[in-house]
Amino acid sequence: MPVQLHQIVSGGQTGADRAALDAGMALGIAIGGACPKGRLAEDGPLASRYPLREITGGYRQRTK
């Protein structure tokens, strides 16, 4: 049975999370989520094209 995807929620981590955000943007699917303050990721600051909300809890808070 087909499933319709309405939104992709991510923490912006490198790899599959970022790929899902990119795919959502390319397909016109809403994207969002939360990232650590300063938009930190393993590979440096997260690009501003990803509309993620900054949180103060750091990496652990992002993955909750």
PDB file of N, CA and C in Angstrom:
ATOM      1  N   MET A   1       0.852  -1.173   0.000  1.00  0.00           N
ATOM      2  CA  MET A   1       0.000   0.000   0.000  1.00  0.00           C
ATOM      3  C   MET A   1       0.903   1.242   0.000  1.00  0.00           C
ATOM      4  N   PRO A   2       0.719   2.172  -0.943  1.00  0.00           N
ATOM      5  CA  PRO A   2       1.534   3.395  -0.994  1.00  0.00           C
ATOM      6  C   PRO A   2       1.307   4.288   0.227  1.00  0.00           C
ATOM      7  N   VAL A   3       2.365   4.931   0.650  1.00  0.00           N
ATOM      8  CA  VAL A   3       2.302   5.862   1.774  1.00  0.00           C
ATOM      9  C   VAL A   3       2.697   7.237   1.264  1.00  0.00           C
ATOM     10  N   GLN A   4       1.908   8.252   1.633  1.00  0.00           N
ATOM     11  CA  GLN A   4       2.234   9.618   1.228  1.00  0.00           C
ATOM     12  C   GLN A   4       3.058  10.282   2.328  1.00  0.00           C
ATOM     13  N   LEU A   5       4.186  10.828   1.942  1.00  0.00           N
ATOM     14  CA  LEU A   5       5.086  11.494   2.880  1.00  0.00           C
ATOM     15  C   LEU A   5       4.733  12.974   2.938  1.00  0.00           C
ATOM     16  N   HIS A   6       4.451  13.485   4.137  1.00  0.00           N
ATOM     17  CA  HIS A   6       4.037  14.878   4.302  1.00  0.00           C
ATOM     18  C   HIS A   6       5.173  15.782   4.746  1.00  0.00           C
ATOM     19  N   GLN A   7       6.115  15.254   5.535  1.00  0.00           N
ATOM     20  CA  GLN A   7       7.213  16.074   6.039  1.00  0.00           C
ATOM     21  C   GLN A   7       8.383  15.186   6.441  1.00  0.00           C
ATOM     22  N   ILE A   8       9.592  15.703   6.239  1.00  0.00           N
ATOM     23  CA  ILE A   8      10.809  15.035   6.691  1.00  0.00           C
ATOM     24  C   ILE A   8      11.362  15.844   7.860  1.00  0.00           C
ATOM     25  N   VAL A   9      11.539  15.177   9.002  1.00  0.00           N
ATOM     26  CA  VAL A   9      12.067  15.825  10.201  1.00  0.00           C
ATOM     27  C   VAL A   9      13.451  15.241  10.465  1.00  0.00           C
ATOM     28  N   SER A  10      14.430  16.110  10.665  1.00  0.00           N
ATOM     29  CA  SER A  10      15.817  15.676  10.788  1.00  0.00           C
ATOM     30  C   SER A  10      16.577  16.576  11.753  1.00  0.00           C
ATOM     31  N   GLY A  11      17.689  16.054  12.247  1.00  0.00           N
ATOM     32  CA  GLY A  11      18.595  16.851  13.059  1.00  0.00           C
ATOM     33  C   GLY A  11      19.742  17.426  12.249  1.00  0.00           C
ATOM     34  N   GLY A  12      19.775  17.126  10.944  1.00  0.00           N
ATOM     35  CA  GLY A  12      20.796  17.689  10.075  1.00  0.00           C
ATOM     36  C   GLY A  12      22.151  17.008  10.148  1.00  0.00           C
ATOM     37  N   GLN A  13      22.205  15.800  10.729  1.00  0.00           N
ATOM     38  CA  GLN A  13      23.479  15.103  10.816  1.00  0.00           C
ATOM     39  C   GLN A  13      24.001  14.786   9.411  1.00  0.00           C
ATOM     40  N   THR A  14      25.314  14.592   9.317  1.00  0.00           N
ATOM     41  CA  THR A  14      25.903  14.226   8.028  1.00  0.00           C
ATOM     42  C   THR A  14      25.392  12.847   7.615  1.00  0.00           C
ATOM     43  N   GLY A  15      25.384  12.579   6.343  1.00  0.00           N
ATOM     44  CA  GLY A  15      24.977  11.272   5.839  1.00  0.00           C
ATOM     45  C   GLY A  15      23.505  11.206   5.487  1.00  0.00           C
ATOM     46  N   ALA A  16      22.836  10.150   5.966  1.00  0.00           N
ATOM     47  CA  ALA A  16      21.448   9.888   5.585  1.00  0.00           C
ATOM     48  C   ALA A  16      20.505  11.025   5.978  1.00  0.00           C
ATOM     49  N   ASP A  17      20.707  11.624   7.134  1.00  0.00           N
ATOM     50  CA  ASP A  17      19.831  12.734   7.551  1.00  0.00           C
ATOM     51  C   ASP A  17      19.897  13.887   6.554  1.00  0.00           C
ATOM     52  N   ARG A  18      21.082  14.271   6.191  1.00  0.00           N
ATOM     53  CA  ARG A  18      21.252  15.386   5.255  1.00  0.00           C
ATOM     54  C   ARG A  18      20.719  15.004   3.877  1.00  0.00           C
ATOM     55  N   ALA A  19      20.943  13.750   3.463  1.00  0.00           N
ATOM     56  CA  ALA A  19      20.431  13.281   2.170  1.00  0.00           C
ATOM     57  C   ALA A  19      18.905  13.330   2.139  1.00  0.00           C
ATOM     58  N   ALA A  20      18.267  12.989   3.251  1.00  0.00           N
ATOM     59  CA  ALA A  20      16.808  13.053   3.317  1.00  0.00           C
ATOM     60  C   ALA A  20      16.321  14.494   3.181  1.00  0.00           C
ATOM     61  N   LEU A  21      17.008  15.435   3.817  1.00  0.00           N
ATOM     62  CA  LEU A  21      16.638  16.846   3.682  1.00  0.00           C
ATOM     63  C   LEU A  21      16.795  17.307   2.233  1.00  0.00           C
ATOM     64  N   ASP A  22      17.890  16.925   1.593  1.00  0.00           N
ATOM     65  CA  ASP A  22      18.127  17.301   0.196  1.00  0.00           C
ATOM     66  C   ASP A  22      17.048  16.716  -0.715  1.00  0.00           C
ATOM     67  N   ALA A  23      16.701  15.445  -0.497  1.00  0.00           N
ATOM     68  CA  ALA A  23      15.666  14.803  -1.310  1.00  0.00           C
ATOM     69  C   ALA A  23      14.321  15.490  -1.108  1.00  0.00           C
ATOM     70  N   GLY A  24      13.997  15.813   0.136  1.00  0.00           N
ATOM     71  CA  GLY A  24      12.744  16.509   0.410  1.00  0.00           C
ATOM     72  C   GLY A  24      12.668  17.842  -0.310  1.00  0.00           C
ATOM     73  N   MET A  25      13.747  18.597  -0.272  1.00  0.00           N
ATOM     74  CA  MET A  25      13.766  19.890  -0.970  1.00  0.00           C
ATOM     75  C   MET A  25      13.601  19.694  -2.473  1.00  0.00           C
ATOM     76  N   ALA A  26      14.265  18.698  -3.036  1.00  0.00           N
ATOM     77  CA  ALA A  26      14.191  18.448  -4.477  1.00  0.00           C
ATOM     78  C   ALA A  26      12.798  18.005  -4.914  1.00  0.00           C
ATOM     79  N   LEU A  27      12.092  17.293  -4.026  1.00  0.00           N
ATOM     80  CA  LEU A  27      10.771  16.763  -4.360  1.00  0.00           C
ATOM     81  C   LEU A  27       9.624  17.647  -3.890  1.00  0.00           C
ATOM     82  N   GLY A  28       9.938  18.755  -3.237  1.00  0.00           N
ATOM     83  CA  GLY A  28       8.893  19.655  -2.764  1.00  0.00           C
ATOM     84  C   GLY A  28       8.178  19.171  -1.510  1.00  0.00           C
ATOM     85  N   ILE A  29       8.833  18.310  -0.740  1.00  0.00           N
ATOM     86  CA  ILE A  29       8.278  17.820   0.527  1.00  0.00           C
ATOM     87  C   ILE A  29       8.754  18.742   1.636  1.00  0.00           C
ATOM     88  N   ALA A  30       7.860  19.089   2.552  1.00  0.00           N
ATOM     89  CA  ALA A  30       8.222  19.960   3.670  1.00  0.00           C
ATOM     90  C   ALA A  30       9.332  19.310   4.493  1.00  0.00           C
ATOM     91  N   ILE A  31      10.291  20.118   4.927  1.00  0.00           N
ATOM     92  CA  ILE A  31      11.374  19.618   5.775  1.00  0.00           C
ATOM     93  C   ILE A  31      11.493  20.507   7.007  1.00  0.00           C
ATOM     94  N   GLY A  32      12.042  19.947   8.076  1.00  0.00           N
ATOM     95  CA  GLY A  32      12.249  20.710   9.300  1.00  0.00           C
ATOM     96  C   GLY A  32      12.967  19.854  10.316  1.00  0.00           C
ATOM     97  N   GLY A  33      13.092  20.372  11.516  1.00  0.00           N
ATOM     98  CA  GLY A  33      13.761  19.652  12.583  1.00  0.00           C
ATOM     99  C   GLY A  33      14.517  20.604  13.482  1.00  0.00           C
ATOM    100  N   ALA A  34      15.450  20.052  14.242  1.00  0.00           N
ATOM    101  CA  ALA A  34      16.216  20.842  15.203  1.00  0.00           C
ATOM    102  C   ALA A  34      17.690  20.486  15.099  1.00  0.00           C
ATOM    103  N   CYS A  35      18.532  21.482  15.327  1.00  0.00           N
ATOM    104  CA  CYS A  35      19.982  21.279  15.298  1.00  0.00           C
ATOM    105  C   CYS A  35      20.594  22.006  16.497  1.00  0.00           C
ATOM    106  N   PRO A  36      21.809  21.619  16.900  1.00  0.00           N
ATOM    107  CA  PRO A  36      22.461  22.278  18.028  1.00  0.00           C
ATOM    108  C   PRO A  36      22.714  23.764  17.759  1.00  0.00           C
ATOM    109  N   LYS A  37      22.768  24.531  18.838  1.00  0.00           N
ATOM    110  CA  LYS A  37      23.064  25.968  18.737  1.00  0.00           C
ATOM    111  C   LYS A  37      24.344  26.174  17.935  1.00  0.00           C
ATOM    112  N   GLY A  38      24.335  27.135  17.050  1.00  0.00           N
ATOM    113  CA  GLY A  38      25.461  27.359  16.162  1.00  0.00           C
ATOM    114  C   GLY A  38      25.376  26.517  14.902  1.00  0.00           C
ATOM    115  N   ARG A  39      24.278  25.742  14.776  1.00  0.00           N
ATOM    116  CA  ARG A  39      24.028  24.872  13.615  1.00  0.00           C
ATOM    117  C   ARG A  39      25.180  23.886  13.419  1.00  0.00           C
ATOM    118  N   LEU A  40      25.712  23.361  14.536  1.00  0.00           N
ATOM    119  CA  LEU A  40      26.878  22.481  14.487  1.00  0.00           C
ATOM    120  C   LEU A  40      26.539  21.099  13.945  1.00  0.00           C
ATOM    121  N   ALA A  41      27.463  20.568  13.148  1.00  0.00           N
ATOM    122  CA  ALA A  41      27.392  19.200  12.645  1.00  0.00           C
ATOM    123  C   ALA A  41      28.820  18.660  12.610  1.00  0.00           C
ATOM    124  N   GLU A  42      28.963  17.360  12.381  1.00  0.00           N
ATOM    125  CA  GLU A  42      30.301  16.754  12.360  1.00  0.00           C
ATOM    126  C   GLU A  42      31.216  17.404  11.334  1.00  0.00           C
ATOM    127  N   ASP A  43      30.646  17.843  10.218  1.00  0.00           N
ATOM    128  CA  ASP A  43      31.457  18.405   9.132  1.00  0.00           C
ATOM    129  C   ASP A  43      31.473  19.931   9.127  1.00  0.00           C
ATOM    130  N   GLY A  44      31.099  20.545  10.236  1.00  0.00           N
ATOM    131  CA  GLY A  44      31.096  22.005  10.332  1.00  0.00           C
ATOM    132  C   GLY A  44      29.686  22.546  10.449  1.00  0.00           C
ATOM    133  N   PRO A  45      29.527  23.853  10.353  1.00  0.00           N
ATOM    134  CA  PRO A  45      28.201  24.458  10.490  1.00  0.00           C
ATOM    135  C   PRO A  45      27.250  23.993   9.386  1.00  0.00           C
ATOM    136  N   LEU A  46      26.017  23.744   9.765  1.00  0.00           N
ATOM    137  CA  LEU A  46      24.967  23.320   8.842  1.00  0.00           C
ATOM    138  C   LEU A  46      24.570  24.486   7.941  1.00  0.00           C
ATOM    139  N   ALA A  47      24.464  24.237   6.658  1.00  0.00           N
ATOM    140  CA  ALA A  47      24.130  25.286   5.686  1.00  0.00           C
ATOM    141  C   ALA A  47      22.773  25.922   5.995  1.00  0.00           C
ATOM    142  N   SER A  48      22.662  27.191   5.723  1.00  0.00           N
ATOM    143  CA  SER A  48      21.429  27.929   6.022  1.00  0.00           C
ATOM    144  C   SER A  48      20.258  27.498   5.150  1.00  0.00           C
ATOM    145  N   ARG A  49      20.499  26.754   4.085  1.00  0.00           N
ATOM    146  CA  ARG A  49      19.388  26.307   3.231  1.00  0.00           C
ATOM    147  C   ARG A  49      18.510  25.278   3.936  1.00  0.00           C
ATOM    148  N   TYR A  50      19.011  24.690   5.020  1.00  0.00           N
ATOM    149  CA  TYR A  50      18.213  23.742   5.797  1.00  0.00           C
ATOM    150  C   TYR A  50      17.467  24.511   6.889  1.00  0.00           C
ATOM    151  N   PRO A  51      16.144  24.528   6.843  1.00  0.00           N
ATOM    152  CA  PRO A  51      15.362  25.323   7.797  1.00  0.00           C
ATOM    153  C   PRO A  51      15.174  24.615   9.145  1.00  0.00           C
ATOM    154  N   LEU A  52      16.265  24.422   9.855  1.00  0.00           N
ATOM    155  CA  LEU A  52      16.198  23.739  11.145  1.00  0.00           C
ATOM    156  C   LEU A  52      16.265  24.750  12.282  1.00  0.00           C
ATOM    157  N   ARG A  53      15.540  24.439  13.340  1.00  0.00           N
ATOM    158  CA  ARG A  53      15.495  25.298  14.526  1.00  0.00           C
ATOM    159  C   ARG A  53      16.698  24.982  15.410  1.00  0.00           C
ATOM    160  N   GLU A  54      17.404  26.017  15.833  1.00  0.00           N
ATOM    161  CA  GLU A  54      18.545  25.826  16.735  1.00  0.00           C
ATOM    162  C   GLU A  54      18.047  25.610  18.159  1.00  0.00           C
ATOM    163  N   ILE A  55      18.633  24.632  18.840  1.00  0.00           N
ATOM    164  CA  ILE A  55      18.284  24.354  20.233  1.00  0.00           C
ATOM    165  C   ILE A  55      19.536  24.473  21.095  1.00  0.00           C
ATOM    166  N   THR A  56      19.338  24.701  22.374  1.00  0.00           N
ATOM    167  CA  THR A  56      20.470  24.916  23.279  1.00  0.00           C
ATOM    168  C   THR A  56      21.015  23.627  23.874  1.00  0.00           C
ATOM    169  N   GLY A  57      20.316  22.509  23.749  1.00  0.00           N
ATOM    170  CA  GLY A  57      20.716  21.273  24.403  1.00  0.00           C
ATOM    171  C   GLY A  57      21.858  20.518  23.764  1.00  0.00           C
ATOM    172  N   GLY A  58      22.353  20.946  22.635  1.00  0.00           N
ATOM    173  CA  GLY A  58      23.468  20.268  21.985  1.00  0.00           C
ATOM    174  C   GLY A  58      23.048  18.999  21.262  1.00  0.00           C
ATOM    175  N   TYR A  59      24.033  18.141  20.995  1.00  0.00           N
ATOM    176  CA  TYR A  59      23.798  16.946  20.196  1.00  0.00           C
ATOM    177  C   TYR A  59      22.776  15.999  20.825  1.00  0.00           C
ATOM    178  N   ARG A  60      22.854  15.775  22.116  1.00  0.00           N
ATOM    179  CA  ARG A  60      21.928  14.835  22.762  1.00  0.00           C
ATOM    180  C   ARG A  60      20.483  15.300  22.662  1.00  0.00           C
ATOM    181  N   GLN A  61      20.239  16.584  22.835  1.00  0.00           N
ATOM    182  CA  GLN A  61      18.880  17.115  22.743  1.00  0.00           C
ATOM    183  C   GLN A  61      18.338  16.957  21.325  1.00  0.00           C
ATOM    184  N   ARG A  62      19.193  17.118  20.336  1.00  0.00           N
ATOM    185  CA  ARG A  62      18.766  17.021  18.938  1.00  0.00           C
ATOM    186  C   ARG A  62      18.214  15.643  18.625  1.00  0.00           C
ATOM    187  N   THR A  63      18.794  14.606  19.181  1.00  0.00           N
ATOM    188  CA  THR A  63      18.398  13.248  18.827  1.00  0.00           C
ATOM    189  C   THR A  63      17.247  12.707  19.656  1.00  0.00           C
ATOM    190  N   LYS A  64      16.712  13.497  20.571  1.00  0.00           N
ATOM    191  CA  LYS A  64      15.559  13.039  21.362  1.00  0.00           C
ATOM    192  C   LYS A  64      14.300  13.060  20.546  1.00  0.00           C
TER     193      LYS A  64
END
